[in-house]
Amino acid sequence: MIDDLQFGKRNKKGDWKPNEAIALPPMANAKRKMNLGGWLLGFIWPWNLMTVGLTALLWFFVIPPIDVMQTLSFDWIATLFAVNWIALFLWLGSWELVLYRKRSQERRFKYNNAFPSEKPADYFWFKDQNIDNFIRSMFISVPIMVAMEVFALWMFANGWGAISFATEQPILFVLLLIFIPILHEAYFFFAHWFLHWEPFYKWCHAVHHNSINPSPWTSMSNHPLEMFLQFLPAVIWIPLSPFLVLYHFNTVAFSSVLGHIGFEKIELGKEKTWDSHAYPHYLHHKHFDVNYCDDGYLPWDKWFGTWHDGTKEGEQLMQERFKAKVARKNKRAA
C-alpha cells in the first residue's frame, strides 16, 4: 500500500492535497519550455491517441455506408446510440466501480475525504449524487450527443462534406487530429466562463456544480443546454471529414472524466501510480470561480486571472479577486 502522505497532506477534515503546486503548460511557464517535447508526448499519449483509436473503431465497424445515412432510419441511428451508450457506460462506469464502489485504494490520494454516497442532498434526484449524475449523463447527455452526431453524419451523407479529405490531405488531417483537443480546450474555457455568468449559472450550469465533490458519473452530468454547447463545435468539421466530427465528439465525451476522477494518483500496484492531473478541475468544483480550462493544455486561466495553483498563495489571490468582484458589484448597485 502506497503512503499518500509522502506526496501530500490532509487537513482536519481528511481532505488530501498534493505538496507541489499545479504546473502551468510550457507556453506559460518559462521553466518548462525545455520540456516541451515531453509535454507534447503526454498530450498525444495515452488519451488523445486512444480517442483516435476509438473513433477509428466507430468509423470502420459501426458507421454505415454513405447511402444508408442519407436517410434518417431507425436501424443505423439505434445502432449508433447503443454503441455510444455502452462505450460511455463502460468507460465512466469502470472508473466509478473501481474507485467509488469497490474503493480499491480506499481514500488514498482522494481530494475530498468523503465519498458522494456518504452525503445525500435534497438538490439531487433521489437525494443521491451518484443516481442523479448517472441519469443525467446516460439518459440526457448521451442522447444529445448522439442526436448531434446523427445530424452531422446525415448532413455529410447528403453532400455537405468530402470523404476523400483524409487521403487527399493526410498531413493536414493528422494536424487537425492534434489540433482538435486544443480547440476544445480554448472553446471550453470561454463557454465555461460564459456559463458562470449569473443568469445562466443559476438555471443551467448549477446542475453540474451541485456535485461539489465530483466523481466519474459527474463528467457528463450537465444541463441539456450546456451539453449542446459543449458538443456544438464538432459540427464545423462537416465540410472536411465525418471522422473529424466523430473524433471531436469523442474528445469531449471521453476526456471529461479526467477532471472528475477525484483522486490525484491512481494506484496501479503496490508501488506504481498514474497521475490523473485532476486537481485543477477539482479546485474549480470546490471554489467555482477558478480554473475554467478543461484539460490544462492552454494557460487561459493564468492569462485571464482565474488561475489557482493549489497553494496558499493561490488561495490568497482567489480571495482578493473575490473581494474585488464583490466591491465592483456593490459599486454598480450603489
C-alpha atoms as a PDB file:
ATOM      1  CA  MET A   1       0.000   0.000   0.000  1.00  0.00           C
ATOM      2  CA  ILE A   2       1.338   3.417  -1.004  1.00  0.00           C
ATOM      3  CA  ASP A   3       1.525   6.134   1.625  1.00  0.00           C
ATOM      4  CA  ASP A   4      -0.193   9.168   0.121  1.00  0.00           C
ATOM      5  CA  LEU A   5       1.286  11.420   2.822  1.00  0.00           C
ATOM      6  CA  GLN A   6       4.630  11.088   1.057  1.00  0.00           C
ATOM      7  CA  PHE A   7       3.122  13.115  -1.788  1.00  0.00           C
ATOM      8  CA  GLY A   8       0.686  15.427   0.008  1.00  0.00           C
ATOM      9  CA  LYS A   9      -1.063  16.228   3.255  1.00  0.00           C
ATOM     10  CA  ARG A  10      -4.509  16.094   4.815  1.00  0.00           C
ATOM     11  CA  ASN A  11      -6.397  18.773   6.686  1.00  0.00           C
ATOM     12  CA  LYS A  12      -8.527  18.251   9.788  1.00  0.00           C
ATOM     13  CA  LYS A  13     -11.463  17.080   7.665  1.00  0.00           C
ATOM     14  CA  GLY A  14      -9.273  14.471   5.993  1.00  0.00           C
ATOM     15  CA  ASP A  15      -9.200  16.187   2.593  1.00  0.00           C
ATOM     16  CA  TRP A  16      -5.952  15.495   0.716  1.00  0.00           C
ATOM     17  CA  LYS A  17      -3.927  17.932  -1.389  1.00  0.00           C
ATOM     18  CA  PRO A  18      -0.612  17.486  -3.224  1.00  0.00           C
ATOM     19  CA  ASN A  19       2.573  19.078  -1.892  1.00  0.00           C
ATOM     20  CA  GLU A  20       3.557  20.504  -5.261  1.00  0.00           C
ATOM     21  CA  ALA A  21       1.849  23.479  -6.887  1.00  0.00           C
ATOM     22  CA  ILE A  22      -0.051  22.743 -10.079  1.00  0.00           C
ATOM     23  CA  ALA A  23       2.255  23.321 -13.047  1.00  0.00           C
ATOM     24  CA  LEU A  24       1.229  25.530 -15.943  1.00  0.00           C
ATOM     25  CA  PRO A  25       1.552  24.394 -19.579  1.00  0.00           C
ATOM     26  CA  PRO A  26       5.012  25.055 -21.091  1.00  0.00           C
ATOM     27  CA  MET A  27       3.940  28.099 -23.122  1.00  0.00           C
ATOM     28  CA  ALA A  28       3.073  29.947 -19.887  1.00  0.00           C
ATOM     29  CA  ASN A  29       5.921  28.641 -17.769  1.00  0.00           C
ATOM     30  CA  ALA A  30       9.471  29.541 -18.807  1.00  0.00           C
ATOM     31  CA  LYS A  31      10.967  26.834 -16.598  1.00  0.00           C
ATOM     32  CA  ARG A  32       9.078  24.121 -18.502  1.00  0.00           C
ATOM     33  CA  LYS A  33       9.808  25.259 -22.059  1.00  0.00           C
ATOM     34  CA  MET A  34      12.804  22.945 -22.331  1.00  0.00           C
ATOM     35  CA  ASN A  35      10.463  20.026 -21.666  1.00  0.00           C
ATOM     36  CA  LEU A  36       8.069  20.895 -24.463  1.00  0.00           C
ATOM     37  CA  GLY A  37       8.777  17.558 -26.138  1.00  0.00           C
ATOM     38  CA  GLY A  38       7.794  15.640 -23.021  1.00  0.00           C
ATOM     39  CA  TRP A  39       4.637  17.708 -22.684  1.00  0.00           C
ATOM     40  CA  LEU A  40       3.746  17.014 -26.330  1.00  0.00           C
ATOM     41  CA  LEU A  41       4.252  13.273 -25.815  1.00  0.00           C
ATOM     42  CA  GLY A  42       1.993  13.387 -22.760  1.00  0.00           C
ATOM     43  CA  PHE A  43      -0.544  15.348 -24.779  1.00  0.00           C
ATOM     44  CA  ILE A  44      -0.695  12.708 -27.516  1.00  0.00           C
ATOM     45  CA  TRP A  45      -0.344   9.581 -25.354  1.00  0.00           C
ATOM     46  CA  PRO A  46      -2.353   7.981 -23.978  1.00  0.00           C
ATOM     47  CA  TRP A  47      -5.665   9.849 -24.054  1.00  0.00           C
ATOM     48  CA  ASN A  48      -5.770  11.586 -27.422  1.00  0.00           C
ATOM     49  CA  LEU A  49      -4.264   8.645 -29.278  1.00  0.00           C
ATOM     50  CA  MET A  50      -6.745   6.345 -27.540  1.00  0.00           C
ATOM     51  CA  THR A  51      -9.562   8.640 -28.666  1.00  0.00           C
ATOM     52  CA  VAL A  52      -8.303   8.427 -32.241  1.00  0.00           C
ATOM     53  CA  GLY A  53      -8.321   4.620 -31.936  1.00  0.00           C
ATOM     54  CA  LEU A  54     -11.838   4.607 -30.502  1.00  0.00           C
ATOM     55  CA  THR A  55     -13.038   6.842 -33.327  1.00  0.00           C
ATOM     56  CA  ALA A  56     -11.417   4.540 -35.890  1.00  0.00           C
ATOM     57  CA  LEU A  57     -13.279   1.545 -34.439  1.00  0.00           C
ATOM     58  CA  LEU A  58     -16.521   3.506 -34.595  1.00  0.00           C
ATOM     59  CA  TRP A  59     -15.850   4.608 -38.172  1.00  0.00           C
ATOM     60  CA  PHE A  60     -14.895   1.215 -39.579  1.00  0.00           C
ATOM     61  CA  PHE A  61     -17.258  -1.060 -37.655  1.00  0.00           C
ATOM     62  CA  VAL A  62     -20.333   0.981 -36.719  1.00  0.00           C
ATOM     63  CA  ILE A  63     -20.875   3.888 -39.111  1.00  0.00           C
ATOM     64  CA  PRO A  64     -22.922   2.628 -42.114  1.00  0.00           C
ATOM     65  CA  PRO A  65     -22.227   3.397 -45.796  1.00  0.00           C
ATOM     66  CA  ILE A  66     -22.891   6.914 -47.048  1.00  0.00           C
ATOM     67  CA  ASP A  67     -26.013   5.965 -48.986  1.00  0.00           C
ATOM     68  CA  VAL A  68     -27.576   4.471 -45.849  1.00  0.00           C
ATOM     69  CA  MET A  69     -27.000   7.657 -43.847  1.00  0.00           C
ATOM     70  CA  GLN A  70     -28.746   9.748 -46.485  1.00  0.00           C
ATOM     71  CA  THR A  71     -31.984   8.634 -44.853  1.00  0.00           C
ATOM     72  CA  LEU A  72     -32.741   9.002 -41.139  1.00  0.00           C
ATOM     73  CA  SER A  73     -33.665   5.378 -40.493  1.00  0.00           C
ATOM     74  CA  PHE A  74     -34.154   3.723 -37.121  1.00  0.00           C
ATOM     75  CA  ASP A  75     -31.625   0.918 -37.651  1.00  0.00           C
ATOM     76  CA  TRP A  76     -28.406   2.884 -38.048  1.00  0.00           C
ATOM     77  CA  ILE A  77     -29.425   5.579 -35.555  1.00  0.00           C
ATOM     78  CA  ALA A  78     -30.314   2.980 -32.913  1.00  0.00           C
ATOM     79  CA  THR A  79     -27.011   1.172 -33.519  1.00  0.00           C
ATOM     80  CA  LEU A  80     -25.032   4.393 -33.144  1.00  0.00           C
ATOM     81  CA  PHE A  81     -26.895   5.242 -29.947  1.00  0.00           C
ATOM     82  CA  ALA A  82     -26.369   1.760 -28.469  1.00  0.00           C
ATOM     83  CA  VAL A  83     -22.640   1.739 -29.206  1.00  0.00           C
ATOM     84  CA  ASN A  84     -22.096   5.222 -27.755  1.00  0.00           C
ATOM     85  CA  TRP A  85     -24.219   4.455 -24.707  1.00  0.00           C
ATOM     86  CA  ILE A  86     -22.459   1.171 -23.953  1.00  0.00           C
ATOM     87  CA  ALA A  87     -18.985   2.625 -24.570  1.00  0.00           C
ATOM     88  CA  LEU A  88     -19.562   5.573 -22.226  1.00  0.00           C
ATOM     89  CA  PHE A  89     -21.275   3.388 -19.656  1.00  0.00           C
ATOM     90  CA  LEU A  90     -18.273   1.058 -19.589  1.00  0.00           C
ATOM     91  CA  TRP A  91     -15.770   3.933 -19.600  1.00  0.00           C
ATOM     92  CA  LEU A  92     -17.321   6.043 -16.869  1.00  0.00           C
ATOM     93  CA  GLY A  93     -18.721   3.064 -15.007  1.00  0.00           C
ATOM     94  CA  SER A  94     -15.338   1.351 -14.789  1.00  0.00           C
ATOM     95  CA  TRP A  95     -13.773   4.352 -13.053  1.00  0.00           C
ATOM     96  CA  GLU A  96     -16.790   4.616 -10.761  1.00  0.00           C
ATOM     97  CA  LEU A  97     -16.793   0.901  -9.945  1.00  0.00           C
ATOM     98  CA  VAL A  98     -13.097   0.634  -9.125  1.00  0.00           C
ATOM     99  CA  LEU A  99     -12.616   3.892  -7.219  1.00  0.00           C
ATOM    100  CA  TYR A 100     -16.039   4.627  -5.735  1.00  0.00           C
ATOM    101  CA  ARG A 101     -17.860   1.317  -5.394  1.00  0.00           C
ATOM    102  CA  LYS A 102     -15.118  -1.181  -4.644  1.00  0.00           C
ATOM    103  CA  ARG A 103     -12.940   1.648  -3.296  1.00  0.00           C
ATOM    104  CA  SER A 104      -9.845  -0.184  -4.449  1.00  0.00           C
ATOM    105  CA  GLN A 105      -7.475   2.361  -2.934  1.00  0.00           C
ATOM    106  CA  GLU A 106      -9.836   3.490  -0.180  1.00  0.00           C
ATOM    107  CA  ARG A 107      -9.292   7.260   0.381  1.00  0.00           C
ATOM    108  CA  ARG A 108      -5.639   7.401  -0.579  1.00  0.00           C
ATOM    109  CA  PHE A 109      -4.930  10.409  -2.821  1.00  0.00           C
ATOM    110  CA  LYS A 110      -8.633  11.407  -2.677  1.00  0.00           C
ATOM    111  CA  TYR A 111      -9.050  15.177  -2.614  1.00  0.00           C
ATOM    112  CA  ASN A 112     -12.348  15.170  -0.730  1.00  0.00           C
ATOM    113  CA  ASN A 113     -12.259  12.693   2.121  1.00  0.00           C
ATOM    114  CA  ALA A 114     -15.967  11.901   1.765  1.00  0.00           C
ATOM    115  CA  PHE A 115     -17.496   9.728  -0.943  1.00  0.00           C
ATOM    116  CA  PRO A 116     -20.594  11.204  -2.631  1.00  0.00           C
ATOM    117  CA  SER A 117     -22.770   8.323  -1.401  1.00  0.00           C
ATOM    118  CA  GLU A 118     -21.993   9.348   2.173  1.00  0.00           C
ATOM    119  CA  LYS A 119     -23.629  12.767   1.786  1.00  0.00           C
ATOM    120  CA  PRO A 120     -27.219  12.713   0.494  1.00  0.00           C
ATOM    121  CA  ALA A 121     -28.661  16.090  -0.515  1.00  0.00           C
ATOM    122  CA  ASP A 122     -32.107  17.364  -1.467  1.00  0.00           C
ATOM    123  CA  TYR A 123     -30.908  19.062  -4.649  1.00  0.00           C
ATOM    124  CA  PHE A 124     -30.015  15.691  -6.223  1.00  0.00           C
ATOM    125  CA  TRP A 125     -32.621  13.439  -7.760  1.00  0.00           C
ATOM    126  CA  PHE A 126     -33.497  10.809  -5.159  1.00  0.00           C
ATOM    127  CA  LYS A 127     -31.173  12.762  -2.817  1.00  0.00           C
ATOM    128  CA  ASP A 128     -28.280  10.751  -4.231  1.00  0.00           C
ATOM    129  CA  GLN A 129     -25.438  12.302  -6.247  1.00  0.00           C
ATOM    130  CA  ASN A 130     -24.471   9.016  -7.906  1.00  0.00           C
ATOM    131  CA  ILE A 131     -28.015   8.283  -9.128  1.00  0.00           C
ATOM    132  CA  ASP A 132     -28.552  11.896 -10.189  1.00  0.00           C
ATOM    133  CA  ASN A 133     -25.257  12.072 -12.110  1.00  0.00           C
ATOM    134  CA  PHE A 134     -25.805   8.673 -13.720  1.00  0.00           C
ATOM    135  CA  ILE A 135     -29.279   9.541 -15.004  1.00  0.00           C
ATOM    136  CA  ARG A 136     -28.225  12.949 -16.310  1.00  0.00           C
ATOM    137  CA  SER A 137     -25.119  11.541 -18.012  1.00  0.00           C
ATOM    138  CA  MET A 138     -26.556   8.426 -19.606  1.00  0.00           C
ATOM    139  CA  PHE A 139     -30.178   9.409 -20.304  1.00  0.00           C
ATOM    140  CA  ILE A 140     -29.833  13.122 -21.117  1.00  0.00           C
ATOM    141  CA  SER A 141     -26.286  13.914 -22.234  1.00  0.00           C
ATOM    142  CA  VAL A 142     -25.605  10.782 -24.297  1.00  0.00           C
ATOM    143  CA  PRO A 143     -28.871  11.123 -26.300  1.00  0.00           C
ATOM    144  CA  ILE A 144     -27.997  14.775 -27.021  1.00  0.00           C
ATOM    145  CA  MET A 145     -24.543  13.728 -28.188  1.00  0.00           C
ATOM    146  CA  VAL A 146     -25.926  11.004 -30.472  1.00  0.00           C
ATOM    147  CA  ALA A 147     -28.641  13.283 -31.892  1.00  0.00           C
ATOM    148  CA  MET A 148     -25.973  15.817 -32.866  1.00  0.00           C
ATOM    149  CA  GLU A 149     -23.775  13.066 -34.340  1.00  0.00           C
ATOM    150  CA  VAL A 150     -26.706  11.787 -36.391  1.00  0.00           C
ATOM    151  CA  PHE A 151     -27.420  15.301 -37.679  1.00  0.00           C
ATOM    152  CA  ALA A 152     -23.767  15.798 -38.664  1.00  0.00           C
ATOM    153  CA  LEU A 153     -23.497  12.410 -40.400  1.00  0.00           C
ATOM    154  CA  TRP A 154     -26.793  12.942 -42.215  1.00  0.00           C
ATOM    155  CA  MET A 155     -25.590  16.344 -43.476  1.00  0.00           C
ATOM    156  CA  PHE A 156     -22.316  14.813 -44.606  1.00  0.00           C
ATOM    157  CA  ALA A 157     -24.071  11.977 -46.416  1.00  0.00           C
ATOM    158  CA  ASN A 158     -26.273  14.454 -48.243  1.00  0.00           C
ATOM    159  CA  GLY A 159     -23.420  16.308 -49.855  1.00  0.00           C
ATOM    160  CA  TRP A 160     -22.079  18.679 -47.222  1.00  0.00           C
ATOM    161  CA  GLY A 161     -18.643  17.059 -46.991  1.00  0.00           C
ATOM    162  CA  ALA A 162     -15.994  15.044 -48.829  1.00  0.00           C
ATOM    163  CA  ILE A 163     -14.992  11.552 -47.726  1.00  0.00           C
ATOM    164  CA  SER A 164     -11.673  11.826 -49.612  1.00  0.00           C
ATOM    165  CA  PHE A 165     -10.236  14.598 -47.413  1.00  0.00           C
ATOM    166  CA  ALA A 166      -8.142  12.230 -45.245  1.00  0.00           C
ATOM    167  CA  THR A 167      -6.471  10.598 -48.255  1.00  0.00           C
ATOM    168  CA  GLU A 168      -6.037  13.776 -50.304  1.00  0.00           C
ATOM    169  CA  GLN A 169      -4.712  15.881 -47.411  1.00  0.00           C
ATOM    170  CA  PRO A 170      -3.130  13.357 -45.000  1.00  0.00           C
ATOM    171  CA  ILE A 171      -0.724  15.805 -43.323  1.00  0.00           C
ATOM    172  CA  LEU A 172      -3.444  18.382 -42.696  1.00  0.00           C
ATOM    173  CA  PHE A 173      -5.740  15.604 -41.487  1.00  0.00           C
ATOM    174  CA  VAL A 174      -3.177  14.481 -38.869  1.00  0.00           C
ATOM    175  CA  LEU A 175      -2.514  18.079 -37.823  1.00  0.00           C
ATOM    176  CA  LEU A 176      -6.243  18.564 -37.271  1.00  0.00           C
ATOM    177  CA  LEU A 177      -6.341  15.435 -35.100  1.00  0.00           C
ATOM    178  CA  ILE A 178      -3.707  17.104 -32.914  1.00  0.00           C
ATOM    179  CA  PHE A 179      -5.429  20.483 -33.072  1.00  0.00           C
ATOM    180  CA  ILE A 180      -8.959  19.390 -32.111  1.00  0.00           C
ATOM    181  CA  PRO A 181      -8.244  18.761 -28.382  1.00  0.00           C
ATOM    182  CA  ILE A 182      -6.559  22.186 -28.207  1.00  0.00           C
ATOM    183  CA  LEU A 183      -9.528  23.800 -29.958  1.00  0.00           C
ATOM    184  CA  HIS A 184     -11.843  22.057 -27.491  1.00  0.00           C
ATOM    185  CA  GLU A 185      -9.806  23.447 -24.598  1.00  0.00           C
ATOM    186  CA  ALA A 186      -9.898  27.002 -25.987  1.00  0.00           C
ATOM    187  CA  TYR A 187     -13.617  26.874 -26.711  1.00  0.00           C
ATOM    188  CA  PHE A 188     -14.411  25.183 -23.391  1.00  0.00           C
ATOM    189  CA  PHE A 189     -12.710  27.932 -21.403  1.00  0.00           C
ATOM    190  CA  PHE A 190     -14.806  30.731 -22.893  1.00  0.00           C
ATOM    191  CA  ALA A 191     -18.044  28.725 -22.990  1.00  0.00           C
ATOM    192  CA  HIS A 192     -17.443  27.670 -19.405  1.00  0.00           C
ATOM    193  CA  TRP A 193     -16.760  31.245 -18.350  1.00  0.00           C
ATOM    194  CA  PHE A 194     -19.978  32.312 -20.094  1.00  0.00           C
ATOM    195  CA  LEU A 195     -21.956  29.633 -18.222  1.00  0.00           C
ATOM    196  CA  HIS A 196     -20.701  31.087 -14.951  1.00  0.00           C
ATOM    197  CA  TRP A 197     -22.392  34.378 -15.814  1.00  0.00           C
ATOM    198  CA  GLU A 198     -25.016  34.663 -13.083  1.00  0.00           C
ATOM    199  CA  PRO A 199     -28.236  34.392 -15.164  1.00  0.00           C
ATOM    200  CA  PHE A 200     -27.011  31.251 -16.954  1.00  0.00           C
ATOM    201  CA  TYR A 201     -25.319  29.753 -13.931  1.00  0.00           C
ATOM    202  CA  LYS A 202     -28.498  29.655 -11.841  1.00  0.00           C
ATOM    203  CA  TRP A 203     -30.684  27.772 -14.285  1.00  0.00           C
ATOM    204  CA  CYS A 204     -28.070  25.915 -16.326  1.00  0.00           C
ATOM    205  CA  HIS A 205     -24.529  25.332 -15.072  1.00  0.00           C
ATOM    206  CA  ALA A 206     -25.555  24.973 -11.416  1.00  0.00           C
ATOM    207  CA  VAL A 207     -26.796  21.484 -12.331  1.00  0.00           C
ATOM    208  CA  HIS A 208     -23.195  20.411 -12.817  1.00  0.00           C
ATOM    209  CA  HIS A 209     -21.862  22.338  -9.822  1.00  0.00           C
ATOM    210  CA  ASN A 210     -24.293  20.673  -7.447  1.00  0.00           C
ATOM    211  CA  SER A 211     -21.593  17.994  -7.402  1.00  0.00           C
ATOM    212  CA  ILE A 212     -19.054  19.881  -5.306  1.00  0.00           C
ATOM    213  CA  ASN A 213     -17.352  16.537  -4.682  1.00  0.00           C
ATOM    214  CA  PRO A 214     -17.201  15.207  -8.278  1.00  0.00           C
ATOM    215  CA  SER A 215     -16.914  11.576  -9.307  1.00  0.00           C
ATOM    216  CA  PRO A 216     -16.730   9.893 -12.749  1.00  0.00           C
ATOM    217  CA  TRP A 217     -20.519   9.999 -13.268  1.00  0.00           C
ATOM    218  CA  THR A 218     -20.305  13.782 -12.811  1.00  0.00           C
ATOM    219  CA  SER A 219     -18.347  14.051 -16.069  1.00  0.00           C
ATOM    220  CA  MET A 220     -21.396  14.406 -18.318  1.00  0.00           C
ATOM    221  CA  SER A 221     -23.958  15.349 -15.687  1.00  0.00           C
ATOM    222  CA  ASN A 222     -24.978  18.662 -17.191  1.00  0.00           C
ATOM    223  CA  HIS A 223     -27.989  20.738 -18.139  1.00  0.00           C
ATOM    224  CA  PRO A 224     -29.108  19.869 -21.723  1.00  0.00           C
ATOM    225  CA  LEU A 225     -28.156  23.344 -22.989  1.00  0.00           C
ATOM    226  CA  GLU A 226     -24.654  23.032 -21.568  1.00  0.00           C
ATOM    227  CA  MET A 227     -24.216  19.637 -23.186  1.00  0.00           C
ATOM    228  CA  PHE A 228     -25.379  21.061 -26.518  1.00  0.00           C
ATOM    229  CA  LEU A 229     -22.885  23.926 -26.233  1.00  0.00           C
ATOM    230  CA  GLN A 230     -20.021  21.553 -25.412  1.00  0.00           C
ATOM    231  CA  PHE A 231     -20.638  19.397 -28.485  1.00  0.00           C
ATOM    232  CA  LEU A 232     -21.536  22.241 -30.871  1.00  0.00           C
ATOM    233  CA  PRO A 233     -18.001  22.972 -32.245  1.00  0.00           C
ATOM    234  CA  ALA A 234     -17.758  19.409 -33.601  1.00  0.00           C
ATOM    235  CA  VAL A 235     -20.102  20.283 -36.464  1.00  0.00           C
ATOM    236  CA  ILE A 236     -17.572  22.678 -38.015  1.00  0.00           C
ATOM    237  CA  TRP A 237     -15.733  19.657 -39.430  1.00  0.00           C
ATOM    238  CA  ILE A 238     -18.721  18.504 -41.518  1.00  0.00           C
ATOM    239  CA  PRO A 239     -17.328  20.070 -44.743  1.00  0.00           C
ATOM    240  CA  LEU A 240     -13.982  18.317 -44.246  1.00  0.00           C
ATOM    241  CA  SER A 241     -14.432  14.876 -42.741  1.00  0.00           C
ATOM    242  CA  PRO A 242     -17.015  12.882 -40.759  1.00  0.00           C
ATOM    243  CA  PHE A 243     -14.095  11.200 -38.978  1.00  0.00           C
ATOM    244  CA  LEU A 244     -13.036  14.565 -37.550  1.00  0.00           C
ATOM    245  CA  VAL A 245     -16.624  15.195 -36.464  1.00  0.00           C
ATOM    246  CA  LEU A 246     -16.768  11.903 -34.571  1.00  0.00           C
ATOM    247  CA  TYR A 247     -13.303  12.431 -33.109  1.00  0.00           C
ATOM    248  CA  HIS A 248     -14.321  15.848 -31.760  1.00  0.00           C
ATOM    249  CA  PHE A 249     -17.465  14.356 -30.179  1.00  0.00           C
ATOM    250  CA  ASN A 250     -15.412  11.591 -28.582  1.00  0.00           C
ATOM    251  CA  THR A 251     -12.805  14.060 -27.331  1.00  0.00           C
ATOM    252  CA  VAL A 252     -15.489  15.978 -25.461  1.00  0.00           C
ATOM    253  CA  ALA A 253     -17.294  12.916 -24.113  1.00  0.00           C
ATOM    254  CA  PHE A 254     -14.455  10.609 -23.102  1.00  0.00           C
ATOM    255  CA  SER A 255     -11.892  13.124 -21.852  1.00  0.00           C
ATOM    256  CA  SER A 256     -14.292  14.802 -19.437  1.00  0.00           C
ATOM    257  CA  VAL A 257     -13.777  12.058 -16.860  1.00  0.00           C
ATOM    258  CA  LEU A 258     -10.162  13.109 -16.303  1.00  0.00           C
ATOM    259  CA  GLY A 259     -11.115  16.225 -14.369  1.00  0.00           C
ATOM    260  CA  HIS A 260     -13.755  14.435 -12.317  1.00  0.00           C
ATOM    261  CA  ILE A 261     -11.909  11.365 -11.066  1.00  0.00           C
ATOM    262  CA  GLY A 262     -11.443  12.960  -7.634  1.00  0.00           C
ATOM    263  CA  PHE A 263      -8.072  11.284  -6.988  1.00  0.00           C
ATOM    264  CA  GLU A 264      -4.617  12.713  -7.619  1.00  0.00           C
ATOM    265  CA  LYS A 265      -2.984   9.349  -8.282  1.00  0.00           C
ATOM    266  CA  ILE A 266      -4.460   6.056  -9.411  1.00  0.00           C
ATOM    267  CA  GLU A 267      -2.650   3.103  -7.901  1.00  0.00           C
ATOM    268  CA  LEU A 268      -1.520   0.539 -10.477  1.00  0.00           C
ATOM    269  CA  GLY A 269       0.099  -1.802  -7.987  1.00  0.00           C
ATOM    270  CA  LYS A 270       1.966  -1.741  -4.728  1.00  0.00           C
ATOM    271  CA  GLU A 271       4.438   0.864  -5.967  1.00  0.00           C
ATOM    272  CA  LYS A 272       3.311   2.266  -9.325  1.00  0.00           C
ATOM    273  CA  THR A 273       0.805   5.071  -9.800  1.00  0.00           C
ATOM    274  CA  TRP A 274      -0.672   7.089 -12.650  1.00  0.00           C
ATOM    275  CA  ASP A 275      -1.108  10.852 -12.216  1.00  0.00           C
ATOM    276  CA  SER A 276      -4.635  11.987 -13.065  1.00  0.00           C
ATOM    277  CA  HIS A 277      -3.906  15.739 -13.122  1.00  0.00           C
ATOM    278  CA  ALA A 278      -7.480  16.201 -11.861  1.00  0.00           C
ATOM    279  CA  TYR A 279      -6.631  18.711  -9.132  1.00  0.00           C
ATOM    280  CA  PRO A 280      -7.193  21.926 -11.183  1.00  0.00           C
ATOM    281  CA  HIS A 281     -10.750  20.957 -12.053  1.00  0.00           C
ATOM    282  CA  TYR A 282     -11.415  19.667  -8.553  1.00  0.00           C
ATOM    283  CA  LEU A 283     -10.495  23.135  -7.293  1.00  0.00           C
ATOM    284  CA  HIS A 284     -12.944  24.573  -9.796  1.00  0.00           C
ATOM    285  CA  HIS A 285     -15.745  22.460  -8.318  1.00  0.00           C
ATOM    286  CA  LYS A 286     -14.656  23.450  -4.833  1.00  0.00           C
ATOM    287  CA  HIS A 287     -14.264  27.199  -5.410  1.00  0.00           C
ATOM    288  CA  PHE A 288     -16.419  27.757  -8.557  1.00  0.00           C
ATOM    289  CA  ASP A 289     -14.572  30.846  -9.872  1.00  0.00           C
ATOM    290  CA  VAL A 290     -11.132  29.397 -10.725  1.00  0.00           C
ATOM    291  CA  ASN A 291      -9.553  27.054 -13.300  1.00  0.00           C
ATOM    292  CA  TYR A 292     -12.085  27.251 -16.117  1.00  0.00           C
ATOM    293  CA  CYS A 293      -9.963  25.219 -18.540  1.00  0.00           C
ATOM    294  CA  ASP A 294     -10.828  21.563 -19.005  1.00  0.00           C
ATOM    295  CA  ASP A 295      -7.637  19.571 -19.616  1.00  0.00           C
ATOM    296  CA  GLY A 296      -4.916  22.126 -18.877  1.00  0.00           C
ATOM    297  CA  TYR A 297      -3.465  22.281 -22.393  1.00  0.00           C
ATOM    298  CA  LEU A 298      -3.732  26.074 -22.525  1.00  0.00           C
ATOM    299  CA  PRO A 299      -2.849  28.747 -19.939  1.00  0.00           C
ATOM    300  CA  TRP A 300      -6.045  30.775 -20.380  1.00  0.00           C
ATOM    301  CA  ASP A 301      -6.693  30.834 -16.611  1.00  0.00           C
ATOM    302  CA  LYS A 302      -3.279  32.326 -15.925  1.00  0.00           C
ATOM    303  CA  TRP A 303      -3.686  34.947 -18.620  1.00  0.00           C
ATOM    304  CA  PHE A 304      -7.259  35.883 -17.661  1.00  0.00           C
ATOM    305  CA  GLY A 305      -6.653  35.963 -13.915  1.00  0.00           C
ATOM    306  CA  THR A 306      -8.621  32.892 -12.810  1.00  0.00           C
ATOM    307  CA  TRP A 307      -5.684  30.578 -12.099  1.00  0.00           C
ATOM    308  CA  HIS A 308      -5.448  28.671  -8.805  1.00  0.00           C
ATOM    309  CA  ASP A 309      -2.342  26.513  -8.432  1.00  0.00           C
ATOM    310  CA  GLY A 310      -3.479  24.825  -5.200  1.00  0.00           C
ATOM    311  CA  THR A 311      -1.091  26.745  -2.927  1.00  0.00           C
ATOM    312  CA  LYS A 312      -1.763  29.212  -0.091  1.00  0.00           C
ATOM    313  CA  GLU A 313      -0.673  31.990  -2.436  1.00  0.00           C
ATOM    314  CA  GLY A 314      -3.204  30.797  -4.994  1.00  0.00           C
ATOM    315  CA  GLU A 315      -5.881  30.774  -2.291  1.00  0.00           C
ATOM    316  CA  GLN A 316      -4.981  34.330  -1.300  1.00  0.00           C
ATOM    317  CA  LEU A 317      -5.135  35.572  -4.885  1.00  0.00           C
ATOM    318  CA  MET A 318      -8.536  33.921  -5.273  1.00  0.00           C
ATOM    319  CA  GLN A 319      -9.835  35.662  -2.156  1.00  0.00           C
ATOM    320  CA  GLU A 320      -8.507  39.008  -3.398  1.00  0.00           C
ATOM    321  CA  ARG A 321     -10.241  38.514  -6.750  1.00  0.00           C
ATOM    322  CA  PHE A 322     -13.458  37.628  -4.951  1.00  0.00           C
ATOM    323  CA  LYS A 323     -13.306  40.735  -2.742  1.00  0.00           C
ATOM    324  CA  ALA A 324     -12.631  42.926  -5.793  1.00  0.00           C
ATOM    325  CA  LYS A 325     -15.561  41.316  -7.612  1.00  0.00           C
ATOM    326  CA  VAL A 326     -17.901  41.974  -4.672  1.00  0.00           C
ATOM    327  CA  ALA A 327     -16.637  45.581  -4.425  1.00  0.00           C
ATOM    328  CA  ARG A 328     -17.394  46.159  -8.135  1.00  0.00           C
ATOM    329  CA  LYS A 329     -20.851  44.620  -7.744  1.00  0.00           C
ATOM    330  CA  ASN A 330     -21.620  46.807  -4.717  1.00  0.00           C
ATOM    331  CA  LYS A 331     -20.358  49.888  -6.553  1.00  0.00           C
ATOM    332  CA  ARG A 332     -22.690  49.218  -9.500  1.00  0.00           C
ATOM    333  CA  ALA A 333     -25.608  48.667  -7.127  1.00  0.00           C
ATOM    334  CA  ALA A 334     -24.956  51.925  -5.226  1.00  0.00           C
END
